[in-house]
Protein backbone atom coordinates (compact mmCIF):
# COMPACT_ATOMS: atom_id res chain seq x y z
CA MET A 1 136.23 -31.43 29.17
CA ASP A 2 136.06 -27.86 30.47
CA TRP A 3 135.80 -26.31 27.00
CA GLN A 4 132.97 -28.59 25.81
CA GLN A 5 130.22 -27.15 27.99
CA PRO A 6 130.79 -23.50 26.96
CA ALA A 7 131.13 -24.55 23.32
CA ALA A 8 127.83 -26.47 23.48
CA LEU A 9 126.10 -23.52 25.15
CA CYS A 10 127.39 -21.17 22.44
CA ILE A 11 126.02 -23.45 19.74
CA VAL A 12 122.63 -23.62 21.48
CA ALA A 13 122.56 -19.83 21.97
CA LEU A 14 123.48 -19.25 18.33
CA THR A 15 120.72 -21.60 17.15
CA ALA A 16 118.16 -19.94 19.43
CA GLY A 17 119.27 -16.54 18.13
CA VAL A 18 118.76 -17.62 14.51
CA PHE A 19 115.24 -18.89 15.24
CA ALA A 20 114.39 -15.73 17.21
CA TRP A 21 115.72 -13.46 14.42
CA ARG A 22 113.38 -15.09 11.90
CA HIS A 23 110.41 -13.90 14.00
CA VAL A 24 111.60 -10.36 14.81
CA ARG A 25 113.35 -9.36 11.56
CA PRO A 26 111.92 -6.45 9.62
CA ARG A 27 109.71 -7.54 6.74
CA ARG A 28 109.82 -6.19 3.21
CA PHE A 29 107.37 -3.54 2.06
CA ASP A 30 104.44 -5.02 0.15
CA PHE A 31 102.22 -2.44 -1.56
CA HIS A 32 99.10 -4.62 -1.49
CA ARG A 33 99.47 -5.68 2.16
CA ASP A 34 100.70 -2.36 3.56
CA THR A 35 98.32 0.02 1.75
CA GLY A 36 95.17 -2.05 1.37
CA CYS A 37 94.91 -1.22 -2.32
CA GLY A 38 93.61 -4.12 -4.34
CA CYS A 39 95.10 -2.93 -7.62
CA ALA A 40 98.72 -4.05 -7.15
CA GLY A 41 100.13 -7.51 -7.58
CA GLY A 42 97.93 -8.82 -10.35
CA ARG A 43 96.88 -11.73 -8.23
CA GLY A 44 93.95 -13.43 -9.84
CA PRO A 45 92.37 -16.79 -9.29
CA LYS A 46 94.80 -19.62 -9.81
CA PRO A 47 93.88 -22.26 -12.36
CA ALA A 48 93.11 -25.63 -10.84
CA ILE A 49 93.09 -29.13 -12.25
CA SER A 50 90.69 -31.69 -10.83
CA VAL A 51 91.06 -35.35 -11.73
CA ARG A 52 88.29 -37.79 -10.84
CA GLY A 53 87.90 -41.42 -11.61
CA ARG A 54 86.16 -44.54 -10.41
CA LYS A 55 87.03 -48.15 -10.84
CA GLY A 56 86.11 -49.33 -14.31
CA GLU A 57 85.41 -45.83 -15.67
CA ALA A 58 87.49 -43.44 -17.70
CA PRO A 59 89.15 -40.69 -15.64
CA GLN A 60 87.62 -37.21 -15.87
CA VAL A 61 89.90 -34.16 -15.95
CA HIS A 62 88.40 -30.72 -15.22
CA PHE A 63 90.25 -27.42 -15.70
CA LYS A 64 89.09 -24.47 -13.61
CA SER A 65 90.43 -21.01 -14.38
C-alpha cells in the first residue's frame, strides 16, 4: 500500500505536466499571423452550402462561394 500513493501522485503530476506543456509550448512560425501581411496563405472565403425546406415543399439548396 505504501507504493500506491507515490505512484498515483506521479501519474497525476505527469498528466498535469502534459496539460501545462500544451499551453506553454513554442508555437510554429506562421507568416500571415506573425508578419501581418495579408498576401500569404491563400485563404479566401470558404464555399458554403445552405439547405432549406418546409413541410410539403421541395427542398432548396443554395451554394455560396
